Protein backbone atom coordinates (compact mmCIF):
# COMPACT_ATOMS: atom_id res chain seq x y z
CA MET A 1 -76.64 -55.12 -20.49
CA PRO A 2 -75.74 -52.16 -18.23
CA GLU A 3 -74.53 -52.88 -14.72
CA LYS A 4 -77.26 -52.44 -12.11
CA ARG A 5 -74.81 -51.50 -9.39
CA VAL A 6 -74.03 -47.79 -9.21
CA LEU A 7 -71.55 -45.88 -7.10
CA PRO A 8 -72.79 -45.35 -3.53
CA LYS A 9 -72.57 -41.68 -2.64
CA SER A 10 -71.24 -42.78 0.75
CA LEU A 11 -67.89 -43.59 -0.86
CA PHE A 12 -67.43 -39.95 -1.87
CA ASN A 13 -68.58 -38.81 1.58
CA LYS A 14 -66.47 -41.25 3.60
CA PHE A 15 -63.21 -41.73 1.69
CA GLU A 16 -60.70 -39.53 -0.06
CA TYR A 17 -61.29 -39.52 -3.82
CA ILE A 18 -58.04 -40.04 -5.77
CA SER A 19 -58.93 -40.42 -9.42
CA GLY A 20 -61.42 -41.76 -11.91
CA GLY A 21 -60.77 -43.75 -15.05
CA ALA A 22 -62.86 -45.40 -17.71
CA THR A 23 -63.41 -48.53 -15.61
CA GLY A 24 -63.67 -47.31 -12.03
CA TRP A 25 -63.29 -44.65 -9.36
CA VAL A 26 -60.31 -44.87 -7.00
CA PHE A 27 -60.41 -43.91 -3.30
CA GLN A 28 -57.99 -44.07 -0.39
CA VAL A 29 -59.75 -46.20 2.23
CA ALA A 30 -56.84 -46.71 4.65
CA PRO A 31 -53.15 -45.81 4.83
CA GLY A 32 -51.45 -47.53 1.91
CA ILE A 33 -54.69 -49.07 0.56
CA ALA A 34 -56.75 -47.94 -2.42
CA LEU A 35 -60.25 -49.02 -3.44
CA LYS A 36 -61.13 -49.17 -7.13
CA PHE A 37 -64.92 -49.27 -7.53
CA LEU A 38 -66.61 -50.37 -10.74
CA ARG A 39 -68.23 -47.84 -13.04
CA PRO A 40 -71.62 -48.95 -14.41
CA GLY A 41 -71.31 -50.76 -17.71
CA ARG A 42 -67.62 -51.65 -17.35
CA GLY A 43 -67.99 -55.07 -15.73
CA GLU A 44 -66.15 -56.92 -18.51
CA ASP A 45 -63.09 -54.66 -18.23
CA PHE A 46 -63.16 -54.99 -14.44
CA ARG A 47 -63.30 -58.77 -14.72
CA ARG A 48 -60.35 -58.74 -17.12
CA GLU A 49 -58.26 -56.77 -14.64
CA ASN A 50 -59.17 -59.12 -11.77
CA GLU A 51 -58.19 -62.14 -13.86
CA THR A 52 -54.85 -60.58 -14.75
CA TYR A 53 -54.04 -59.94 -11.10
CA ALA A 54 -55.00 -63.52 -10.28
CA LEU A 55 -52.56 -64.69 -12.96
CA ILE A 56 -49.80 -62.49 -11.53
CA GLU A 57 -50.38 -63.94 -8.05
CA ARG A 58 -50.09 -67.48 -9.43
CA SER A 59 -46.66 -66.69 -10.83
CA ASP A 60 -44.45 -69.77 -11.08
CA PRO A 61 -41.99 -69.75 -9.48
CA PRO A 62 -43.31 -67.59 -6.62
CA PRO A 63 -43.24 -64.91 -5.31
CA PRO A 64 -45.17 -62.72 -7.76
CA PRO A 65 -43.07 -60.39 -9.92
CA PRO A 66 -42.08 -57.24 -7.98
CA HIS A 67 -42.88 -54.59 -10.59
CA PHE A 68 -46.68 -54.70 -10.35
CA VAL A 69 -48.96 -52.93 -7.88
CA ARG A 70 -50.08 -55.51 -5.31
CA SER A 71 -53.69 -56.66 -5.23
CA PHE A 72 -55.24 -57.52 -1.83
CA VAL A 73 -58.94 -58.29 -2.38
CA ARG A 74 -60.84 -58.62 -5.67
CA LEU A 75 -64.63 -58.65 -6.00
CA PRO A 76 -66.83 -58.29 -9.11
CA HIS A 77 -67.44 -54.62 -8.31
CA ALA A 78 -64.54 -53.61 -6.05
CA HIS A 79 -60.79 -54.08 -5.86
CA LEU A 80 -58.54 -53.32 -2.88
CA MET A 81 -54.95 -52.71 -3.89
CA GLN A 82 -51.69 -51.13 -2.88
CA LEU A 83 -51.80 -47.31 -2.82
CA MET A 84 -48.77 -45.63 -4.35
CA PRO A 85 -47.67 -42.10 -3.33
CA ASP A 86 -46.69 -40.94 -6.81
CA SER A 87 -46.89 -41.67 -10.53
CA LEU A 88 -44.48 -41.16 -13.39
CA ASP A 89 -46.89 -38.67 -14.94
CA PHE A 90 -47.10 -36.53 -11.77
CA ARG A 91 -43.33 -36.71 -11.26
CA LEU A 92 -42.44 -35.56 -14.75
CA ARG A 93 -45.07 -32.82 -14.77
CA ALA A 94 -43.71 -31.52 -11.46
CA ASN A 95 -40.36 -31.09 -13.20
CA ARG A 96 -41.67 -28.53 -15.66
CA ARG A 97 -43.56 -25.27 -15.94
CA GLN A 98 -46.93 -25.82 -17.60
CA ASP A 99 -50.34 -24.30 -18.13
CA PRO A 100 -52.42 -25.33 -15.08
CA ARG A 101 -55.54 -25.70 -17.21
CA THR A 102 -54.36 -27.31 -20.45
CA LEU A 103 -51.13 -28.83 -19.03
CA ALA A 104 -49.26 -27.53 -22.09
CA CYS A 105 -45.53 -27.43 -21.35
CA PHE A 106 -43.83 -24.02 -21.31
CA GLU A 107 -40.42 -25.19 -20.10
CA VAL A 108 -38.74 -28.32 -18.75
CA LEU A 109 -37.09 -27.14 -15.53
CA ARG A 110 -35.18 -30.28 -14.62
CA LEU A 111 -34.70 -33.88 -15.68
CA GLU A 112 -34.59 -37.01 -13.56
CA PRO A 113 -31.05 -38.36 -12.95
CA THR A 114 -29.81 -40.79 -15.58
CA ALA A 115 -29.37 -43.52 -12.96
CA LYS A 116 -33.01 -43.13 -11.92
CA VAL A 117 -34.24 -43.27 -15.53
CA GLU A 118 -32.18 -46.42 -16.11
CA GLN A 119 -33.65 -47.98 -12.95
CA TRP A 120 -37.22 -47.21 -14.04
CA ALA A 121 -36.53 -48.47 -17.56
CA ALA A 122 -35.23 -51.77 -16.17
CA GLU A 123 -38.24 -52.15 -13.85
CA LEU A 124 -40.74 -51.38 -16.59
CA SER A 125 -39.06 -53.70 -19.08
CA GLY A 126 -39.11 -56.44 -16.43
CA ALA A 127 -42.86 -56.03 -15.92
CA LEU A 128 -43.57 -55.99 -19.66
CA ALA A 129 -41.32 -59.00 -20.26
CA TRP A 130 -43.16 -60.98 -17.57
CA LEU A 131 -46.52 -60.24 -19.19
CA GLU A 132 -45.11 -61.21 -22.58
CA SER A 133 -43.85 -64.50 -21.11
CA VAL A 134 -47.47 -65.47 -20.39
CA GLY A 135 -48.70 -64.17 -23.75
CA LEU A 136 -50.19 -60.86 -22.56
CA VAL A 137 -49.78 -57.14 -23.12
CA GLN A 138 -50.90 -54.45 -20.67
CA GLY A 139 -52.87 -52.67 -23.40
CA ASP A 140 -52.78 -49.13 -22.00
CA LEU A 141 -49.11 -48.30 -21.54
CA ARG A 142 -48.75 -44.64 -20.62
CA PRO A 143 -47.15 -42.59 -17.77
CA THR A 144 -50.41 -42.34 -15.77
CA ASN A 145 -50.37 -46.14 -15.40
CA LEU A 146 -46.81 -46.24 -14.07
CA LEU A 147 -46.80 -45.64 -10.33
CA LEU A 148 -43.89 -44.97 -7.96
CA ASP A 149 -43.68 -46.44 -4.46
CA GLY A 150 -42.17 -44.88 -1.34
CA GLU A 151 -38.70 -46.03 -2.38
CA ASP A 152 -39.13 -44.67 -5.91
CA HIS A 153 -39.49 -48.06 -7.59
CA MET A 154 -41.77 -48.23 -10.62
CA LYS A 155 -44.92 -50.37 -10.54
CA LEU A 156 -47.18 -51.16 -13.48
CA VAL A 157 -50.93 -50.84 -12.83
CA ASP A 158 -54.30 -50.85 -14.64
CA PHE A 159 -54.98 -54.10 -16.46
CA ASP A 160 -58.56 -53.53 -17.61
CA SER A 161 -57.25 -53.25 -21.19
CA CYS A 162 -55.00 -56.30 -20.88
CA ALA A 163 -55.02 -58.39 -24.05
CA LYS A 164 -53.41 -61.45 -25.59
CA MET A 165 -50.53 -61.21 -28.01
CA GLY A 166 -52.02 -61.20 -31.50
CA ASP A 167 -55.32 -59.59 -30.45
CA LEU A 168 -56.57 -56.59 -32.39
CA ASP A 169 -54.97 -53.38 -31.12
CA PRO A 170 -57.78 -50.79 -30.78
CA GLY A 171 -55.13 -48.11 -31.12
CA LEU A 172 -54.13 -45.70 -28.39
CA PRO A 173 -53.22 -42.33 -29.86
CA PRO A 174 -49.53 -41.88 -30.69
CA PRO A 175 -47.03 -41.63 -29.10
CA TRP A 176 -48.17 -44.50 -26.85
CA THR A 177 -48.78 -46.84 -29.76
CA SER A 178 -47.67 -46.84 -33.38
CA PRO A 179 -50.19 -45.95 -36.11
CA HIS A 180 -48.75 -48.88 -38.09
CA HIS A 181 -49.62 -51.63 -35.62
CA ARG A 182 -52.92 -53.40 -36.08
CA LEU A 183 -52.25 -56.29 -33.68
CA TYR A 184 -50.74 -56.46 -30.21
CA GLY A 185 -47.25 -57.91 -30.20
CA ALA A 186 -43.67 -57.38 -29.10
CA GLU A 187 -43.28 -54.53 -31.58
CA SER A 188 -46.29 -52.59 -30.29
CA VAL A 189 -45.05 -52.96 -26.71
CA GLN A 190 -41.57 -51.86 -27.78
CA PHE A 191 -43.00 -48.74 -29.41
CA GLY A 192 -44.85 -47.72 -26.24
CA PHE A 193 -41.78 -48.44 -24.12
CA GLY A 194 -39.71 -46.21 -26.41
CA SER A 195 -42.14 -43.31 -26.05
CA ILE A 196 -42.12 -43.61 -22.26
CA LEU A 197 -38.32 -43.75 -22.22
CA TYR A 198 -38.24 -40.58 -24.33
CA ASN A 199 -40.69 -38.94 -21.90
CA MET A 200 -38.37 -39.79 -18.99
CA THR A 201 -35.17 -38.58 -20.67
CA HIS A 202 -36.57 -35.37 -22.19
CA GLY A 203 -39.27 -34.37 -19.69
CA ILE A 204 -41.96 -34.10 -22.39
CA GLU A 205 -43.89 -36.58 -24.49
CA PRO A 206 -42.61 -37.25 -28.01
CA TYR A 207 -43.95 -34.41 -30.20
CA GLU A 208 -46.07 -33.15 -27.31
CA GLU A 209 -46.04 -29.66 -28.80
CA LYS A 210 -47.28 -30.89 -32.21
CA GLY A 211 -50.78 -31.95 -31.21
CA PRO A 212 -52.72 -33.83 -33.93
CA GLU A 213 -49.69 -33.57 -36.24
CA THR A 214 -48.04 -36.26 -34.08
CA ILE A 215 -50.00 -39.00 -35.85
CA ASP A 216 -48.83 -37.90 -39.29
CA LEU A 217 -45.20 -37.63 -38.17
CA PHE A 218 -45.11 -41.12 -36.67
CA ARG A 219 -46.98 -42.55 -39.65
CA ALA A 220 -44.34 -41.03 -41.94
CA GLY A 221 -41.54 -42.53 -39.83
CA VAL A 222 -40.31 -39.12 -38.64
CA PHE A 223 -39.13 -39.47 -35.04
CA PRO A 224 -38.08 -36.86 -32.46
CA GLU A 225 -34.43 -35.89 -32.28
CA LEU A 226 -32.47 -37.79 -29.64
CA LYS A 227 -29.59 -36.76 -27.41
CA SER A 228 -26.36 -38.21 -28.74
CA ASP A 229 -24.76 -38.18 -25.28
CA SER A 230 -27.66 -39.88 -23.46
CA GLN A 231 -27.26 -43.56 -22.58
CA PRO A 232 -31.04 -44.10 -22.14
CA ASP A 233 -31.68 -42.40 -25.49
CA SER A 234 -29.36 -44.92 -27.13
CA GLN A 235 -31.94 -47.60 -26.29
CA LEU A 236 -34.66 -45.84 -28.28
CA ASP A 237 -35.28 -47.73 -31.48
CA TRP A 238 -38.68 -46.68 -32.77
CA CYS A 239 -37.31 -46.78 -36.31
CA LYS A 240 -36.37 -50.46 -35.94
CA VAL A 241 -39.89 -51.47 -34.97
CA GLY A 242 -41.74 -53.44 -37.66
CA ARG A 243 -44.68 -51.71 -39.31
CA ASP A 244 -46.55 -54.49 -41.02
CA ASN A 245 -47.90 -56.61 -38.14
């Protein structure tokens, strides 16, 4: 049954609009605080995200793990959370020359320092490992859902697609999930982590220039060329990920 509550126009008039996703609109309502407001019809996804944040807050032993965006107040239709100044997606796109309309990459102008990439990789793997320890996967692992705080630490956000290990994987488009994975598990998380690590070390998504051909390449087990002298690239092991789960 569709949600009866709709977005009050006063939110757009009163607060700065930041972004809109499948589940809600996001506004800045105060310095350092964001409001995520439910889109009609997405109550189940919103509830799932609220429950995941509640689980994170009940972390044992306390305090909650550091590599998640902090949640302040959760209601059935609204969620107040920590506002981050940057995201991995914005950061990497700022490092390249691209079409302002299609975002197609013309040239990678600079790469993030290796030490910074290694820091982000460690922080992301810590967040994913914590979720795995309680039997969960984030379910929508991509650069837009990886935020950066004022000290450039990575924070995982957006849990409206959070799922249990072993649940059916609805299938994000490659490169963020493998076309061979039917169920969520350690291998599917590892595949997404590998694609994000590649994005950080190369400045572009795996096979970004290939378009729809990306699916066929990954399905055939053909992976992008790696840098032999890159320590982060040495951690990429798409080809070792199981394909039959």
